[in-house]
C-alpha atoms as a PDB file:
ATOM      1  CA  MET A   1     213.273  21.057 389.173  1.00  0.00           C
ATOM      2  CA  GLY A   2     214.012  21.504 392.857  1.00  0.00           C
ATOM      3  CA  THR A   3     210.975  19.350 393.637  1.00  0.00           C
ATOM      4  CA  ALA A   4     211.613  16.702 390.959  1.00  0.00           C
ATOM      5  CA  VAL A   5     215.164  16.101 392.177  1.00  0.00           C
ATOM      6  CA  VAL A   6     213.846  15.229 395.649  1.00  0.00           C
ATOM      7  CA  ALA A   7     211.942  12.368 394.003  1.00  0.00           C
ATOM      8  CA  THR A   8     214.689  11.113 391.667  1.00  0.00           C
ATOM      9  CA  ALA A   9     217.409  11.315 394.305  1.00  0.00           C
ATOM     10  CA  GLY A  10     215.217   9.547 396.849  1.00  0.00           C
ATOM     11  CA  ALA A  11     214.337   6.738 394.439  1.00  0.00           C
ATOM     12  CA  ALA A  12     218.031   5.921 393.898  1.00  0.00           C
ATOM     13  CA  LEU A  13     219.211   6.358 397.494  1.00  0.00           C
ATOM     14  CA  PRO A  14     221.524   3.373 398.192  1.00  0.00           C
ATOM     15  CA  LEU A  15     220.150   2.789 401.703  1.00  0.00           C
ATOM     16  CA  PRO A  16     216.925   0.969 402.615  1.00  0.00           C
ATOM     17  CA  VAL A  17     214.378   3.478 403.896  1.00  0.00           C
ATOM     18  CA  PRO A  18     210.833   2.111 404.337  1.00  0.00           C
ATOM     19  CA  GLY A  19     208.266   4.052 402.335  1.00  0.00           C
ATOM     20  CA  LEU A  20     210.839   6.242 400.619  1.00  0.00           C
ATOM     21  CA  ARG A  21     209.953   5.187 397.074  1.00  0.00           C
ATOM     22  CA  THR A  22     206.256   5.804 397.690  1.00  0.00           C
ATOM     23  CA  ALA A  23     207.032   9.238 399.090  1.00  0.00           C
ATOM     24  CA  ALA A  24     209.308   9.922 396.109  1.00  0.00           C
ATOM     25  CA  GLY A  25     206.453   9.033 393.781  1.00  0.00           C
ATOM     26  CA  LEU A  26     204.158  11.504 395.492  1.00  0.00           C
ATOM     27  CA  VAL A  27     206.778  14.243 395.262  1.00  0.00           C
ATOM     28  CA  TRP A  28     207.297  13.492 391.568  1.00  0.00           C
ATOM     29  CA  ALA A  29     203.555  13.737 390.961  1.00  0.00           C
ATOM     30  CA  LEU A  30     203.623  17.123 392.690  1.00  0.00           C
ATOM     31  CA  SER A  31     206.501  18.249 390.470  1.00  0.00           C
ATOM     32  CA  LEU A  32     204.567  17.193 387.356  1.00  0.00           C
ATOM     33  CA  LEU A  33     201.534  19.165 388.511  1.00  0.00           C
ATOM     34  CA  MET A  34     203.670  22.217 389.263  1.00  0.00           C
ATOM     35  CA  LEU A  35     205.373  21.987 385.862  1.00  0.00           C
ATOM     36  CA  THR A  36     202.023  21.779 384.067  1.00  0.00           C
ATOM     37  CA  VAL A  37     200.694  24.846 385.856  1.00  0.00           C
ATOM     38  CA  LEU A  38     203.865  26.865 385.339  1.00  0.00           C
ATOM     39  CA  VAL A  39     204.183  25.990 381.634  1.00  0.00           C
ATOM     40  CA  ALA A  40     200.571  27.023 381.062  1.00  0.00           C
ATOM     41  CA  ALA A  41     201.040  30.259 382.991  1.00  0.00           C
ATOM     42  CA  ARG A  42     204.252  31.043 381.147  1.00  0.00           C
ATOM     43  CA  ALA A  43     202.631  30.402 377.781  1.00  0.00           C
ATOM     44  CA  VAL A  44     199.776  32.779 378.600  1.00  0.00           C
ATOM     45  CA  HIS A  45     202.279  35.396 379.754  1.00  0.00           C
ATOM     46  CA  HIS A  46     204.242  35.170 376.504  1.00  0.00           C
ATOM     47  CA  VAL A  47     201.075  35.509 374.436  1.00  0.00           C
ATOM     48  CA  ARG A  48     199.583  38.429 376.375  1.00  0.00           C
ATOM     49  CA  HIS A  49     202.753  40.263 377.398  1.00  0.00           C
ATOM     50  CA  ARG A  50     205.301  39.790 374.639  1.00  0.00           C
ATOM     51  CA  ASP A  51     206.898  43.136 375.432  1.00  0.00           C
ATOM     52  CA  GLN A  52     207.628  42.011 379.003  1.00  0.00           C
ATOM     53  CA  ALA A  53     208.975  38.663 377.809  1.00  0.00           C
ATOM     54  CA  ARG A  54     211.400  40.502 375.524  1.00  0.00           C
ATOM     55  CA  ALA A  55     212.358  42.866 378.330  1.00  0.00           C
ATOM     56  CA  HIS A  56     213.215  39.906 380.559  1.00  0.00           C
ATOM     57  CA  LEU A  57     215.615  38.593 377.929  1.00  0.00           C
ATOM     58  CA  LEU A  58     217.306  41.957 377.600  1.00  0.00           C
ATOM     59  CA  ASP A  59     217.579  42.396 381.366  1.00  0.00           C
ATOM     60  CA  PRO A  60     220.923  41.023 382.644  1.00  0.00           C
ATOM     61  CA  ALA A  61     219.325  40.314 386.023  1.00  0.00           C
ATOM     62  CA  THR A  62     216.633  37.965 384.698  1.00  0.00           C
ATOM     63  CA  ALA A  63     217.965  36.578 381.403  1.00  0.00           C
ATOM     64  CA  PRO A  64     220.129  33.811 382.952  1.00  0.00           C
ATOM     65  CA  PHE A  65     217.079  32.337 384.681  1.00  0.00           C
ATOM     66  CA  HIS A  66     215.641  31.239 381.342  1.00  0.00           C
ATOM     67  CA  GLY A  67     217.826  28.146 381.716  1.00  0.00           C
ATOM     68  CA  CYS A  68     215.631  26.972 384.589  1.00  0.00           C
ATOM     69  CA  ALA A  69     212.732  26.168 382.243  1.00  0.00           C
ATOM     70  CA  ALA A  70     214.762  23.611 380.308  1.00  0.00           C
ATOM     71  CA  MET A  71     216.076  22.021 383.497  1.00  0.00           C
ATOM     72  CA  ALA A  72     212.548  21.752 384.873  1.00  0.00           C
ATOM     73  CA  LEU A  73     211.357  19.877 381.778  1.00  0.00           C
ATOM     74  CA  LEU A  74     214.336  17.535 381.889  1.00  0.00           C
ATOM     75  CA  SER A  75     214.126  16.858 385.612  1.00  0.00           C
ATOM     76  CA  VAL A  76     210.435  15.999 385.597  1.00  0.00           C
ATOM     77  CA  GLY A  77     210.905  13.878 382.478  1.00  0.00           C
ATOM     78  CA  GLY A  78     213.748  11.909 384.047  1.00  0.00           C
ATOM     79  CA  GLY A  79     211.659  11.434 387.162  1.00  0.00           C
ATOM     80  CA  ALA A  80     208.930   9.834 385.046  1.00  0.00           C
ATOM     81  CA  LEU A  81     211.238   6.917 384.227  1.00  0.00           C
ATOM     82  CA  SER A  82     212.988   6.638 387.570  1.00  0.00           C
ATOM     83  CA  VAL A  83     209.932   6.758 389.836  1.00  0.00           C
ATOM     84  CA  GLY A  84     206.868   8.026 387.959  1.00  0.00           C
ATOM     85  CA  ARG A  85     206.478   4.737 386.082  1.00  0.00           C
ATOM     86  CA  ASP A  86     205.219   3.181 389.317  1.00  0.00           C
ATOM     87  CA  TRP A  87     202.216   5.511 389.064  1.00  0.00           C
ATOM     88  CA  ILE A  88     201.529   5.981 385.361  1.00  0.00           C
ATOM     89  CA  GLY A  89     202.975   2.792 383.855  1.00  0.00           C
ATOM     90  CA  LEU A  90     206.146   2.217 381.865  1.00  0.00           C
ATOM     91  CA  ARG A  91     204.726   3.045 378.439  1.00  0.00           C
ATOM     92  CA  ALA A  92     203.312   6.383 379.549  1.00  0.00           C
ATOM     93  CA  ALA A  93     206.515   7.171 381.464  1.00  0.00           C
ATOM     94  CA  VAL A  94     208.662   6.533 378.374  1.00  0.00           C
ATOM     95  CA  ALA A  95     206.398   8.679 376.201  1.00  0.00           C
ATOM     96  CA  LEU A  96     206.340  11.509 378.746  1.00  0.00           C
ATOM     97  CA  ASP A  97     210.100  11.437 379.222  1.00  0.00           C
ATOM     98  CA  ALA A  98     210.730  11.341 375.464  1.00  0.00           C
ATOM     99  CA  VAL A  99     208.628  14.483 374.972  1.00  0.00           C
ATOM    100  CA  LEU A 100     210.065  16.382 377.935  1.00  0.00           C
ATOM    101  CA  PHE A 101     213.643  15.293 377.167  1.00  0.00           C
ATOM    102  CA  SER A 102     213.364  16.424 373.542  1.00  0.00           C
ATOM    103  CA  ALA A 103     211.771  19.754 374.448  1.00  0.00           C
ATOM    104  CA  GLY A 104     214.140  20.375 377.355  1.00  0.00           C
ATOM    105  CA  THR A 105     217.249  19.532 375.348  1.00  0.00           C
ATOM    106  CA  LEU A 106     216.259  21.784 372.454  1.00  0.00           C
ATOM    107  CA  LEU A 107     215.339  24.636 374.781  1.00  0.00           C
ATOM    108  CA  GLY A 108     218.534  24.115 376.774  1.00  0.00           C
ATOM    109  CA  LEU A 109     220.727  24.358 373.682  1.00  0.00           C
ATOM    110  CA  VAL A 110     218.937  27.516 372.559  1.00  0.00           C
ATOM    111  CA  THR A 111     219.391  29.019 376.017  1.00  0.00           C
ATOM    112  CA  ALA A 112     223.052  28.020 376.178  1.00  0.00           C
ATOM    113  CA  VAL A 113     223.707  30.030 373.008  1.00  0.00           C
ATOM    114  CA  ALA A 114     221.169  32.860 373.180  1.00  0.00           C
ATOM    115  CA  VAL A 115     221.724  34.058 376.748  1.00  0.00           C
ATOM    116  CA  PRO A 116     225.545  34.263 376.507  1.00  0.00           C
ATOM    117  CA  TYR A 117     225.077  36.054 373.171  1.00  0.00           C
ATOM    118  CA  LEU A 118     222.821  38.611 374.831  1.00  0.00           C
ATOM    119  CA  MET A 119     225.301  38.965 377.690  1.00  0.00           C
ATOM    120  CA  VAL A 120     228.027  39.852 375.203  1.00  0.00           C
ATOM    121  CA  VAL A 121     226.029  42.060 372.862  1.00  0.00           C
ATOM    122  CA  HIS A 122     223.299  43.745 374.929  1.00  0.00           C
ATOM    123  CA  HIS A 123     223.950  43.370 378.663  1.00  0.00           C
ATOM    124  CA  ARG A 124     226.257  45.590 380.654  1.00  0.00           C
ATOM    125  CA  ILE A 125     227.343  43.806 383.819  1.00  0.00           C
ATOM    126  CA  GLU A 126     229.759  44.862 386.539  1.00  0.00           C
ATOM    127  CA  GLY A 127     230.586  41.519 388.148  1.00  0.00           C
ATOM    128  CA  ALA A 128     230.260  37.780 387.657  1.00  0.00           C
ATOM    129  CA  SER A 129     227.512  35.851 389.421  1.00  0.00           C
ATOM    130  CA  PRO A 130     226.806  32.143 390.000  1.00  0.00           C
ATOM    131  CA  ALA A 131     223.533  32.696 388.119  1.00  0.00           C
ATOM    132  CA  TRP A 132     225.624  32.890 384.950  1.00  0.00           C
ATOM    133  CA  LEU A 133     225.784  29.102 385.167  1.00  0.00           C
ATOM    134  CA  LEU A 134     222.026  28.713 384.748  1.00  0.00           C
ATOM    135  CA  PRO A 135     221.962  29.082 380.931  1.00  0.00           C
ATOM    136  CA  VAL A 136     224.798  26.582 380.379  1.00  0.00           C
ATOM    137  CA  VAL A 137     223.831  23.835 382.854  1.00  0.00           C
ATOM    138  CA  PRO A 138     220.772  22.475 380.928  1.00  0.00           C
ATOM    139  CA  PRO A 139     222.911  20.478 378.438  1.00  0.00           C
ATOM    140  CA  MET A 140     224.503  18.723 381.423  1.00  0.00           C
ATOM    141  CA  VAL A 141     221.049  17.855 382.746  1.00  0.00           C
ATOM    142  CA  SER A 142     220.239  16.420 379.305  1.00  0.00           C
ATOM    143  CA  ALA A 143     223.448  14.406 379.447  1.00  0.00           C
ATOM    144  CA  ALA A 144     222.381  12.933 382.777  1.00  0.00           C
ATOM    145  CA  GLN A 145     218.784  12.164 381.779  1.00  0.00           C
ATOM    146  CA  GLY A 146     219.301  10.938 378.209  1.00  0.00           C
ATOM    147  CA  PRO A 147     220.841   7.551 379.089  1.00  0.00           C
ATOM    148  CA  LEU A 148     217.620   6.596 380.902  1.00  0.00           C
ATOM    149  CA  LEU A 149     215.930   6.366 377.496  1.00  0.00           C
ATOM    150  CA  LEU A 150     218.533   4.063 375.938  1.00  0.00           C
ATOM    151  CA  PRO A 151     216.894   0.727 376.881  1.00  0.00           C
ATOM    152  CA  HIS A 152     213.702   1.901 375.172  1.00  0.00           C
ATOM    153  CA  LEU A 153     215.351   2.624 371.807  1.00  0.00           C
ATOM    154  CA  PRO A 154     216.108   0.092 369.050  1.00  0.00           C
ATOM    155  CA  ALA A 155     219.537  -1.510 369.441  1.00  0.00           C
ATOM    156  CA  GLY A 156     222.293  -0.205 367.202  1.00  0.00           C
ATOM    157  CA  GLN A 157     222.606   3.253 365.705  1.00  0.00           C
ATOM    158  CA  ALA A 158     219.764   4.833 367.684  1.00  0.00           C
ATOM    159  CA  ARG A 159     221.221   3.924 371.066  1.00  0.00           C
ATOM    160  CA  GLU A 160     224.783   4.775 370.119  1.00  0.00           C
ATOM    161  CA  THR A 161     223.736   8.137 368.673  1.00  0.00           C
ATOM    162  CA  LEU A 162     221.833   9.088 371.819  1.00  0.00           C
ATOM    163  CA  LEU A 163     224.632   8.018 374.148  1.00  0.00           C
ATOM    164  CA  LEU A 164     227.372   9.853 372.269  1.00  0.00           C
ATOM    165  CA  GLY A 165     225.062  12.807 371.763  1.00  0.00           C
ATOM    166  CA  CYS A 166     224.641  13.001 375.529  1.00  0.00           C
ATOM    167  CA  TYR A 167     228.418  12.803 375.890  1.00  0.00           C
ATOM    168  CA  ALA A 168     228.702  15.781 373.517  1.00  0.00           C
ATOM    169  CA  LEU A 169     226.165  17.690 375.638  1.00  0.00           C
ATOM    170  CA  PHE A 170     228.304  16.825 378.654  1.00  0.00           C
ATOM    171  CA  GLY A 171     231.217  18.593 376.944  1.00  0.00           C
ATOM    172  CA  VAL A 172     229.115  21.611 375.979  1.00  0.00           C
ATOM    173  CA  SER A 173     228.165  22.279 379.578  1.00  0.00           C
ATOM    174  CA  LEU A 174     231.442  21.219 381.187  1.00  0.00           C
ATOM    175  CA  PHE A 175     233.663  23.576 379.214  1.00  0.00           C
ATOM    176  CA  ALA A 176     231.203  26.456 379.539  1.00  0.00           C
ATOM    177  CA  THR A 177     231.199  25.868 383.299  1.00  0.00           C
ATOM    178  CA  LEU A 178     234.993  25.906 383.371  1.00  0.00           C
ATOM    179  CA  LEU A 179     234.867  29.354 381.777  1.00  0.00           C
ATOM    180  CA  VAL A 180     232.419  30.752 384.332  1.00  0.00           C
ATOM    181  CA  LEU A 181     233.698  29.278 387.609  1.00  0.00           C
ATOM    182  CA  PRO A 182     236.993  31.216 387.731  1.00  0.00           C
ATOM    183  CA  LEU A 183     235.050  34.441 387.141  1.00  0.00           C
ATOM    184  CA  VAL A 184     232.680  33.647 390.006  1.00  0.00           C
ATOM    185  CA  PHE A 185     235.460  32.820 392.454  1.00  0.00           C
ATOM    186  CA  GLY A 186     237.493  35.823 391.333  1.00  0.00           C
ATOM    187  CA  ARG A 187     234.483  38.057 391.943  1.00  0.00           C
ATOM    188  CA  LEU A 188     234.150  36.677 395.482  1.00  0.00           C
ATOM    189  CA  VAL A 189     237.813  37.186 396.300  1.00  0.00           C
ATOM    190  CA  THR A 190     238.092  40.695 394.856  1.00  0.00           C
ATOM    191  CA  GLY A 191     234.604  41.983 395.578  1.00  0.00           C
ATOM    192  CA  GLY A 192     233.714  40.220 398.805  1.00  0.00           C
ATOM    193  CA  PRO A 193     230.529  38.268 399.631  1.00  0.00           C
ATOM    194  CA  PRO A 194     227.412  38.967 397.578  1.00  0.00           C
ATOM    195  CA  PRO A 195     224.509  40.912 399.129  1.00  0.00           C
ATOM    196  CA  SER A 196     222.757  38.818 401.762  1.00  0.00           C
ATOM    197  CA  PRO A 197     219.585  38.110 399.718  1.00  0.00           C
ATOM    198  CA  LEU A 198     221.740  36.748 396.871  1.00  0.00           C
ATOM    199  CA  THR A 199     224.100  34.644 398.998  1.00  0.00           C
ATOM    200  CA  PRO A 200     222.106  31.400 398.441  1.00  0.00           C
ATOM    201  CA  SER A 201     222.930  31.694 394.727  1.00  0.00           C
ATOM    202  CA  LEU A 202     226.433  30.452 395.588  1.00  0.00           C
ATOM    203  CA  PHE A 203     224.891  26.986 395.827  1.00  0.00           C
ATOM    204  CA  LEU A 204     224.218  27.127 392.075  1.00  0.00           C
ATOM    205  CA  VAL A 205     227.862  26.208 391.511  1.00  0.00           C
ATOM    206  CA  LEU A 206     227.072  22.736 392.845  1.00  0.00           C
ATOM    207  CA  GLY A 207     224.653  22.126 389.962  1.00  0.00           C
ATOM    208  CA  PRO A 208     227.085  21.480 387.101  1.00  0.00           C
ATOM    209  CA  LEU A 209     229.505  19.712 389.462  1.00  0.00           C
ATOM    210  CA  GLY A 210     227.045  17.187 390.851  1.00  0.00           C
ATOM    211  CA  GLN A 211     225.217  16.776 387.550  1.00  0.00           C
ATOM    212  CA  SER A 212     228.440  16.031 385.687  1.00  0.00           C
ATOM    213  CA  VAL A 213     229.296  13.264 388.163  1.00  0.00           C
ATOM    214  CA  THR A 214     225.775  11.914 387.730  1.00  0.00           C
ATOM    215  CA  SER A 215     226.158  12.017 383.948  1.00  0.00           C
ATOM    216  CA  ALA A 216     229.453  10.144 384.054  1.00  0.00           C
ATOM    217  CA  GLY A 217     227.827   7.471 386.220  1.00  0.00           C
ATOM    218  CA  HIS A 218     224.886   7.096 383.847  1.00  0.00           C
ATOM    219  CA  PHE A 219     227.233   6.787 380.866  1.00  0.00           C
ATOM    220  CA  ALA A 220     228.993   3.924 382.633  1.00  0.00           C
ATOM    221  CA  ASP A 221     225.671   2.311 383.571  1.00  0.00           C
ATOM    222  CA  THR A 222     224.449   2.174 379.977  1.00  0.00           C
ATOM    223  CA  ALA A 223     227.534   2.014 377.730  1.00  0.00           C
ATOM    224  CA  GLY A 224     227.831  -1.775 377.910  1.00  0.00           C
ATOM    225  CA  GLY A 225     226.095  -3.321 374.922  1.00  0.00           C
ATOM    226  CA  VAL A 226     225.772   0.069 373.217  1.00  0.00           C
ATOM    227  CA  LEU A 227     229.419   0.857 372.464  1.00  0.00           C
ATOM    228  CA  PRO A 228     232.383  -1.426 371.752  1.00  0.00           C
ATOM    229  CA  ALA A 229     233.800  -3.029 374.890  1.00  0.00           C
ATOM    230  CA  ALA A 230     236.888  -0.810 374.984  1.00  0.00           C
ATOM    231  CA  TYR A 231     234.797   2.377 375.050  1.00  0.00           C
ATOM    232  CA  ALA A 232     232.341   0.899 377.554  1.00  0.00           C
ATOM    233  CA  HIS A 233     235.205   0.055 379.921  1.00  0.00           C
ATOM    234  CA  GLY A 234     236.545   3.561 379.372  1.00  0.00           C
ATOM    235  CA  PHE A 235     233.261   5.079 380.506  1.00  0.00           C
ATOM    236  CA  THR A 236     233.326   2.887 383.611  1.00  0.00           C
ATOM    237  CA  ALA A 237     236.803   4.105 384.501  1.00  0.00           C
ATOM    238  CA  PHE A 238     235.847   7.685 383.663  1.00  0.00           C
ATOM    239  CA  ALA A 239     232.907   7.553 386.073  1.00  0.00           C
ATOM    240  CA  VAL A 240     235.322   7.020 388.963  1.00  0.00           C
ATOM    241  CA  LEU A 241     238.436   8.869 387.792  1.00  0.00           C
ATOM    242  CA  TYR A 242     236.394  11.972 386.944  1.00  0.00           C
ATOM    243  CA  GLY A 243     233.664  11.632 389.536  1.00  0.00           C
ATOM    244  CA  VAL A 244     235.710  11.295 392.718  1.00  0.00           C
ATOM    245  CA  PRO A 245     237.793  14.497 392.418  1.00  0.00           C
ATOM    246  CA  VAL A 246     234.833  16.534 391.167  1.00  0.00           C
ATOM    247  CA  MET A 247     232.702  15.316 394.057  1.00  0.00           C
ATOM    248  CA  GLY A 248     235.527  16.286 396.398  1.00  0.00           C
ATOM    249  CA  PHE A 249     235.544  19.811 394.982  1.00  0.00           C
ATOM    250  CA  ALA A 250     231.746  19.961 395.203  1.00  0.00           C
ATOM    251  CA  LEU A 251     231.908  19.148 398.921  1.00  0.00           C
ATOM    252  CA  LEU A 252     234.566  21.832 399.361  1.00  0.00           C
ATOM    253  CA  TRP A 253     232.340  24.390 397.628  1.00  0.00           C
ATOM    254  CA  LEU A 254     229.370  23.238 399.695  1.00  0.00           C
ATOM    255  CA  ALA A 255     231.322  23.995 402.853  1.00  0.00           C
ATOM    256  CA  LEU A 256     232.421  27.429 401.569  1.00  0.00           C
ATOM    257  CA  ALA A 257     228.953  28.408 400.347  1.00  0.00           C
ATOM    258  CA  GLY A 258     227.381  27.090 403.542  1.00  0.00           C
ATOM    259  CA  ALA A 259     229.714  29.184 405.675  1.00  0.00           C
ATOM    260  CA  LEU A 260     228.849  32.321 403.685  1.00  0.00           C
ATOM    261  CA  VAL A 261     225.134  31.571 404.021  1.00  0.00           C
ATOM    262  CA  VAL A 262     225.504  31.192 407.795  1.00  0.00           C
ATOM    263  CA  ARG A 263     227.342  34.536 407.853  1.00  0.00           C
ATOM    264  CA  ALA A 264     224.591  36.201 405.836  1.00  0.00           C
ATOM    265  CA  ARG A 265     221.903  34.669 408.028  1.00  0.00           C
ATOM    266  CA  ARG A 266     223.559  36.044 411.142  1.00  0.00           C
ATOM    267  CA  ARG A 267     223.511  39.451 409.477  1.00  0.00           C
ATOM    268  CA  GLY A 268     219.771  39.335 408.937  1.00  0.00           C
ATOM    269  CA  MET A 269     219.300  37.471 405.646  1.00  0.00           C
ATOM    270  CA  GLY A 270     215.588  36.808 405.245  1.00  0.00           C
ATOM    271  CA  PHE A 271     213.710  34.459 402.964  1.00  0.00           C
ATOM    272  CA  THR A 272     213.652  35.118 399.216  1.00  0.00           C
ATOM    273  CA  LEU A 273     213.051  32.853 396.246  1.00  0.00           C
ATOM    274  CA  SER A 274     216.834  32.504 395.976  1.00  0.00           C
ATOM    275  CA  TRP A 275     216.511  29.924 398.775  1.00  0.00           C
ATOM    276  CA  TRP A 276     215.418  27.431 396.104  1.00  0.00           C
ATOM    277  CA  ALA A 277     219.097  27.386 395.126  1.00  0.00           C
ATOM    278  CA  PHE A 278     219.528  25.082 398.137  1.00  0.00           C
ATOM    279  CA  THR A 279     217.488  22.328 396.422  1.00  0.00           C
ATOM    280  CA  PHE A 280     218.357  21.284 392.868  1.00  0.00           C
ATOM    281  CA  PRO A 281     222.144  21.863 393.111  1.00  0.00           C
ATOM    282  CA  VAL A 282     222.340  19.812 396.315  1.00  0.00           C
ATOM    283  CA  GLY A 283     220.143  17.176 394.676  1.00  0.00           C
ATOM    284  CA  THR A 284     222.630  16.769 391.823  1.00  0.00           C
ATOM    285  CA  CYS A 285     225.320  16.084 394.400  1.00  0.00           C
ATOM    286  CA  VAL A 286     223.081  13.403 395.930  1.00  0.00           C
ATOM    287  CA  THR A 287     222.670  11.651 392.577  1.00  0.00           C
ATOM    288  CA  GLY A 288     226.394  12.063 391.897  1.00  0.00           C
ATOM    289  CA  ALA A 289     227.271  10.413 395.224  1.00  0.00           C
ATOM    290  CA  GLU A 290     224.769   7.647 394.443  1.00  0.00           C
ATOM    291  CA  ALA A 291     226.513   7.018 391.116  1.00  0.00           C
ATOM    292  CA  LEU A 292     229.900   6.832 392.821  1.00  0.00           C
ATOM    293  CA  ALA A 293     228.487   4.424 395.403  1.00  0.00           C
ATOM    294  CA  ARG A 294     227.320   2.135 392.579  1.00  0.00           C
ATOM    295  CA  HIS A 295     230.624   2.169 390.728  1.00  0.00           C
ATOM    296  CA  THR A 296     233.026   2.010 393.664  1.00  0.00           C
ATOM    297  CA  GLY A 297     231.013  -0.074 396.109  1.00  0.00           C
ATOM    298  CA  LEU A 298     232.278   2.139 398.932  1.00  0.00           C
ATOM    299  CA  ALA A 299     230.038   2.607 401.956  1.00  0.00           C
ATOM    300  CA  GLY A 300     231.443   6.113 402.386  1.00  0.00           C
ATOM    301  CA  PHE A 301     229.713   7.357 399.250  1.00  0.00           C
ATOM    302  CA  ARG A 302     226.439   5.783 400.366  1.00  0.00           C
ATOM    303  CA  TRP A 303     226.621   7.764 403.593  1.00  0.00           C
ATOM    304  CA  VAL A 304     227.584  10.935 401.714  1.00  0.00           C
ATOM    305  CA  ALA A 305     224.499  10.450 399.541  1.00  0.00           C
ATOM    306  CA  ALA A 306     222.316   9.867 402.596  1.00  0.00           C
ATOM    307  CA  GLY A 307     223.654  12.937 404.408  1.00  0.00           C
ATOM    308  CA  LEU A 308     223.228  15.172 401.384  1.00  0.00           C
ATOM    309  CA  TYR A 309     219.737  13.809 400.820  1.00  0.00           C
ATOM    310  CA  ALA A 310     218.750  14.707 404.371  1.00  0.00           C
ATOM    311  CA  LEU A 311     220.063  18.226 403.700  1.00  0.00           C
ATOM    312  CA  LEU A 312     218.129  18.337 400.419  1.00  0.00           C
ATOM    313  CA  VAL A 313     214.832  17.311 402.022  1.00  0.00           C
ATOM    314  CA  ALA A 314     215.273  19.838 404.836  1.00  0.00           C
ATOM    315  CA  ALA A 315     216.068  22.621 402.354  1.00  0.00           C
ATOM    316  CA  TRP A 316     213.108  21.689 400.162  1.00  0.00           C
ATOM    317  CA  LEU A 317     210.690  21.675 403.093  1.00  0.00           C
ATOM    318  CA  VAL A 318     211.878  25.093 404.286  1.00  0.00           C
ATOM    319  CA  ALA A 319     211.763  26.621 400.789  1.00  0.00           C
ATOM    320  CA  ALA A 320     208.364  25.106 399.997  1.00  0.00           C
ATOM    321  CA  VAL A 321     206.752  26.171 403.271  1.00  0.00           C
ATOM    322  CA  ARG A 322     208.196  29.683 403.139  1.00  0.00           C
ATOM    323  CA  THR A 323     207.193  30.071 399.477  1.00  0.00           C
ATOM    324  CA  ALA A 324     203.635  28.936 400.181  1.00  0.00           C
ATOM    325  CA  GLY A 325     203.462  31.365 403.090  1.00  0.00           C
ATOM    326  CA  GLY A 326     204.801  34.202 400.978  1.00  0.00           C
ATOM    327  CA  LEU A 327     202.249  33.539 398.224  1.00  0.00           C
ATOM    328  CA  VAL A 328     199.349  33.399 400.676  1.00  0.00           C
ATOM    329  CA  SER A 329     200.432  36.613 402.394  1.00  0.00           C
ATOM    330  CA  GLY A 330     201.150  38.312 399.072  1.00  0.00           C
ATOM    331  CA  VAL A 331     204.729  39.227 399.986  1.00  0.00           C
ATOM    332  CA  LEU A 332     206.201  37.249 397.090  1.00  0.00           C
ATOM    333  CA  LEU A 333     203.700  38.710 394.648  1.00  0.00           C
ATOM    334  CA  ALA A 334     204.902  42.281 395.220  1.00  0.00           C
ATOM    335  CA  GLY A 335     206.949  43.873 392.474  1.00  0.00           C
ATOM    336  CA  PRO A 336     210.759  43.866 392.710  1.00  0.00           C
ATOM    337  CA  GLY A 337     212.108  46.624 394.881  1.00  0.00           C
ATOM    338  CA  THR A 338     208.764  47.539 396.407  1.00  0.00           C
ATOM    339  CA  ALA A 339     209.836  46.517 399.907  1.00  0.00           C
ATOM    340  CA  PRO A 340     212.318  48.712 401.774  1.00  0.00           C
ATOM    341  CA  GLY A 341     215.841  47.638 400.994  1.00  0.00           C
ATOM    342  CA  ALA A 342     214.656  44.964 398.552  1.00  0.00           C
ATOM    343  CA  LEU A 343     216.940  43.847 395.776  1.00  0.00           C
ATOM    344  CA  ARG A 344     215.900  42.729 392.355  1.00  0.00           C
ATOM    345  CA  PRO A 345     215.933  38.964 391.842  1.00  0.00           C
ATOM    346  CA  GLY A 346     218.940  39.320 389.581  1.00  0.00           C
ATOM    347  CA  THR A 347     222.553  38.513 389.955  1.00  0.00           C
ATOM    348  CA  ALA A 348     224.543  41.653 389.313  1.00  0.00           C
ATOM    349  CA  ARG A 349     224.117  45.388 389.320  1.00  0.00           C
ATOM    350  CA  THR A 350     224.143  47.079 385.935  1.00  0.00           C
ATOM    351  CA  ARG A 351     225.573  50.358 384.885  1.00  0.00           C
END
């Protein structure tokens, strides 16, 4: 999903950049290849190692990350319509997005219920973590990607059902996020910064913020002709009245999280896979700023989108290169905790 968002955000960037759409198409193709390989590998793992798959669900450090699978499906599917259609054709792009959107939405809803249930019933956790957002963000990603399919559905009930269904998914994720965010900030204030290797996870908070602004913009883009005029105008107003203050808070959190990452880096924070948290969450803020630029016409939001996109590309390049290097050297293939001082890839210590 961190790779797919580079493509989708680049395709919608409201500034003319020669060759950007072609580059975005190549990145999307890479994300599709990566998704295919990872889905196949995950399926084999579940078949051959069911005991380990169950253990991952019951482990409070790894269970929240099951939300990433749904977001990956949704992100690559949305990219098929926004930029992939240039490569595979519109018909194939619609079919691919329909399959990935359906699978991602279903998986996301299951994750949004199952992981919090396990957290309540089975997990024993000492402190809140930004990774708690991962199981509840997928419905927001569905809300953002669903409207892209509206023009390809029959007019009438089908389009209205999908649009309002996406609005319901928006509410599912938004209110769950509002429950988690105070816990995360309270944990920071009372417990201090997270361990250095986990500091990049603070960027995960940007995910539901930026994605919700993107969703509101997509609702406004597509509501006309689907809903009665009064509701369509309401969505247009909502895109701005909701989007501007949430984007403001997202930029505030970006500054806070960035400062804590700089602090951790100065204290010796090395590369871990948590650095991928710098990609998708920032990408959602890019698409959110792009939506606000469309609906306000303000040049300021175009430049915010461009600046955030530059940050996104830089973060993606660093994470991709360091990940490839770690796989080649075998460092990232070592078991958790095998290196001196290594922490598990989780989010909180358990009793």
